[in-house]
Protein backbone atom coordinates (compact mmCIF):
# COMPACT_ATOMS: atom_id res chain seq x y z
CA MET A 1 -4.41 -43.46 -19.75
CA LYS A 2 -0.84 -42.03 -19.55
CA ARG A 3 -2.01 -38.40 -20.37
CA GLY A 4 -4.96 -38.53 -18.05
CA LEU A 5 -2.86 -39.58 -15.25
CA LEU A 6 -0.28 -36.87 -16.03
CA ILE A 7 -2.95 -34.15 -16.02
CA LEU A 8 -4.84 -36.02 -12.80
CA LEU A 9 -1.50 -35.38 -11.18
CA LEU A 10 -1.21 -31.80 -12.29
CA ALA A 11 -3.97 -30.98 -11.00
CA LEU A 12 -3.11 -32.37 -7.47
CA ALA A 13 -0.16 -30.85 -7.69
CA ALA A 14 -1.94 -27.41 -8.46
CA PHE A 15 -4.78 -28.35 -5.48
CA ALA A 16 -1.29 -28.43 -3.05
CA ALA A 17 0.05 -25.08 -4.06
CA ALA A 18 -3.48 -23.74 -3.91
CA PHE A 19 -4.34 -24.92 -0.47
CA ILE A 20 -0.85 -24.00 1.12
CA ILE A 21 -1.67 -20.40 -0.04
CA THR A 22 -5.04 -20.70 1.34
CA ARG A 23 -3.29 -21.96 4.66
CA ASN A 24 -0.98 -18.84 4.62
CA GLN A 25 -3.88 -16.82 4.00
CA CYS A 26 -6.02 -18.05 6.88
CA GLU A 27 -3.23 -18.50 9.32
CA CYS A 28 -5.40 -18.73 12.43
CA SER A 29 -4.29 -18.38 16.16
CA VAL A 30 -6.81 -20.20 18.26
CA THR A 31 -6.63 -18.48 21.53
CA THR A 32 -8.01 -18.23 25.30
CA HIS A 33 -8.84 -14.62 25.07
CA PRO A 34 -10.05 -12.65 21.64
CA GLU A 35 -7.87 -9.97 22.63
CA THR A 36 -4.73 -11.82 23.36
CA HIS A 37 -2.43 -13.68 20.96
CA ASP A 38 1.63 -14.62 21.59
CA GLY A 39 1.38 -14.71 25.76
CA GLY A 40 -0.89 -11.97 26.31
CA SER A 41 0.44 -8.95 23.96
CA LEU A 42 -2.50 -7.33 22.36
CA LEU A 43 -2.66 -7.96 19.08
CA PRO A 44 0.94 -7.48 17.91
CA GLU A 45 -0.16 -8.82 14.28
CA LEU A 46 -2.09 -5.28 13.89
CA GLU A 47 0.90 -3.14 15.04
CA TRP A 48 2.87 -3.83 11.86
CA LEU A 49 -0.27 -2.26 10.20
CA ARG A 50 -0.61 0.87 12.61
CA SER A 51 3.41 1.70 12.10
CA GLU A 52 3.86 0.57 8.50
CA PHE A 53 0.56 2.74 7.23
CA LYS A 54 0.88 5.60 10.12
CA LEU A 55 -2.83 4.77 11.33
CA THR A 56 -4.19 7.52 13.75
CA ASP A 57 -5.48 5.95 17.26
CA GLU A 58 -8.96 6.26 15.54
CA GLN A 59 -8.42 4.52 12.85
CA PHE A 60 -6.10 1.57 14.80
CA ALA A 61 -9.20 1.72 17.00
CA LYS A 62 -11.44 0.72 14.05
CA VAL A 63 -9.03 -2.02 12.40
CA LYS A 64 -8.63 -3.43 15.31
CA GLU A 65 -12.31 -3.84 15.97
CA GLN A 66 -12.75 -5.36 12.72
CA HIS A 67 -9.83 -7.38 13.22
CA LEU A 68 -11.11 -9.17 16.25
CA ALA A 69 -14.65 -9.47 14.76
CA TYR A 70 -13.01 -11.45 11.66
CA ARG A 71 -10.90 -13.51 13.87
CA PRO A 72 -13.91 -16.21 14.51
CA THR A 73 -14.87 -16.03 10.95
CA CYS A 74 -11.17 -16.78 10.00
CA GLU A 75 -10.48 -19.54 12.35
CA ALA A 76 -13.87 -21.20 11.63
CA LEU A 77 -12.54 -21.02 7.48
CA CYS A 78 -9.14 -22.65 8.49
CA LYS A 79 -10.79 -25.53 10.03
CA LYS A 80 -12.43 -26.32 6.91
CA VAL A 81 -9.79 -25.89 5.14
CA VAL A 82 -7.75 -28.27 7.16
CA ALA A 83 -10.46 -30.63 7.24
CA ALA A 84 -10.67 -30.64 3.50
CA GLN A 85 -7.01 -31.17 3.27
CA LYS A 86 -7.21 -34.37 5.44
CA SER A 87 -9.74 -35.74 3.41
CA VAL A 88 -7.92 -34.88 0.36
CA HIS A 89 -4.77 -36.77 2.28
CA ALA A 90 -6.54 -39.70 3.46
CA LEU A 91 -8.66 -40.30 -0.04
CA THR A 92 -4.95 -40.40 -1.54
CA LYS A 93 -4.27 -42.84 1.07
CA ALA A 94 -6.89 -45.28 0.68
CA GLN A 95 -8.00 -44.95 -2.56
CA SER A 96 -7.10 -44.90 -6.41
CA ILE A 97 -6.05 -41.45 -7.30
CA ALA A 98 -8.53 -41.44 -9.82
CA SER A 99 -11.61 -42.10 -7.46
CA PRO A 100 -14.88 -40.09 -7.59
CA GLU A 101 -14.85 -39.71 -3.98
CA LEU A 102 -11.14 -37.84 -4.43
CA ALA A 103 -12.51 -35.99 -6.99
CA ALA A 104 -15.45 -34.64 -4.83
CA ALA A 105 -12.70 -34.19 -2.04
CA LEU A 106 -10.55 -31.46 -4.50
CA GLN A 107 -13.88 -30.03 -5.54
CA GLU A 108 -14.53 -29.19 -1.78
CA GLN A 109 -10.86 -28.21 -1.02
CA ALA A 110 -11.06 -25.95 -4.02
CA ALA A 111 -14.69 -24.09 -2.97
CA VAL A 112 -13.23 -23.79 0.71
CA ARG A 113 -10.43 -21.85 -0.81
CA VAL A 114 -12.53 -19.89 -2.38
CA GLU A 115 -14.75 -19.03 0.54
CA CYS A 116 -11.56 -18.10 2.12
CA GLN A 117 -10.49 -16.04 -0.50
CA GLN A 118 -13.67 -14.20 -0.37
CA ALA A 119 -13.78 -13.80 3.12
CA MET A 120 -10.15 -12.15 3.31
CA LEU A 121 -11.19 -9.76 0.50
CA LYS A 122 -14.25 -8.57 2.39
CA HIS A 123 -11.97 -8.10 5.19
CA LEU A 124 -9.24 -6.49 3.59
CA GLN A 125 -12.14 -4.25 1.84
CA LYS A 126 -13.43 -3.38 5.21
CA THR A 127 -10.06 -2.43 6.49
CA ALA A 128 -9.27 -0.16 3.83
CA ALA A 129 -12.14 1.91 4.21
CA VAL A 130 -11.35 2.89 7.65
CA MET A 131 -7.84 4.41 6.03
CA SER A 132 -7.44 7.67 4.06
CA PRO A 133 -7.12 6.74 0.21
CA GLU A 134 -3.39 6.64 0.12
CA GLN A 135 -3.26 4.47 3.33
CA ALA A 136 -6.19 2.28 1.49
CA ARG A 137 -4.06 2.37 -2.00
CA GLN A 138 -0.81 1.17 -0.18
CA TYR A 139 -2.57 -1.57 2.26
CA LEU A 140 -4.53 -3.14 -0.81
CA ASP A 141 -1.63 -3.04 -2.92
CA THR A 142 0.65 -5.11 -0.12
CA MET A 143 -2.36 -7.46 1.02
CA LEU A 144 -4.17 -8.44 -2.19
CA PRO A 145 -1.16 -10.28 -3.76
CA GLN A 146 -1.23 -12.35 -0.42
CA VAL A 147 -4.79 -13.33 -0.82
CA ILE A 148 -5.14 -13.75 -4.31
CA GLY A 149 -1.60 -14.70 -5.49
CA SER A 150 1.61 -13.82 -6.07
CA GLU A 151 0.64 -13.93 -9.47
CA ALA A 152 -1.28 -10.64 -9.07
CA LYS A 153 2.03 -8.63 -8.61
CA HIS A 154 3.04 -9.63 -12.31
CA LEU A 155 -0.45 -8.00 -14.03
CA PRO A 156 -0.25 -4.93 -15.43
CA ASP A 157 -2.75 -2.02 -13.00
CA GLY A 158 -6.26 -1.86 -14.55
CA HIS A 159 -6.31 -5.49 -15.79
C-alpha cells in the first residue's frame, strides 16, 4: 500500500511539473485588442524574434500575421490548462488522492498538455517556414526545448 501511494505521489509531482511547463509554454495575454499588448505597444514579444533572427520586413510581417492568428488558439488552450489544474487541485482537496475522479482529472490534464504542445509545435513549424533555412534552424533550436521540455537540450542530434 505504501509503495502504491508513493507512486501516486510521484505521478502527481510529475503532472504538477508538466503543468508548470505547459503553463509557461501557453503564456497567454488576454487583451482588449488582438494587436496590442502591454499598454498598447505593437507585439513587443515579436521584436525579440525580429532582432534575434534578423528577419526582413516581409518575414516579420508574415510572422506577425501567424502570431496574431495563433493567439486565440493559445488563449483557448491556456483556459483549458487552467481548468484542468483547478479540477485536479479541487479533487485533491475534496477527495482521497486515490479516487477514480482524480485519476480522470489527471488524465485530462495530461491530454490538455499534449494538445497544447502539439499546437505549439505546429505554430513553430509555420513560423520557421517563413524564415531562411539557417534562421529556421536557429529558431527551432531555441524554441523546441521550450515546448518539448528542457531535457531535449541534452539529446544528441538526430535522436
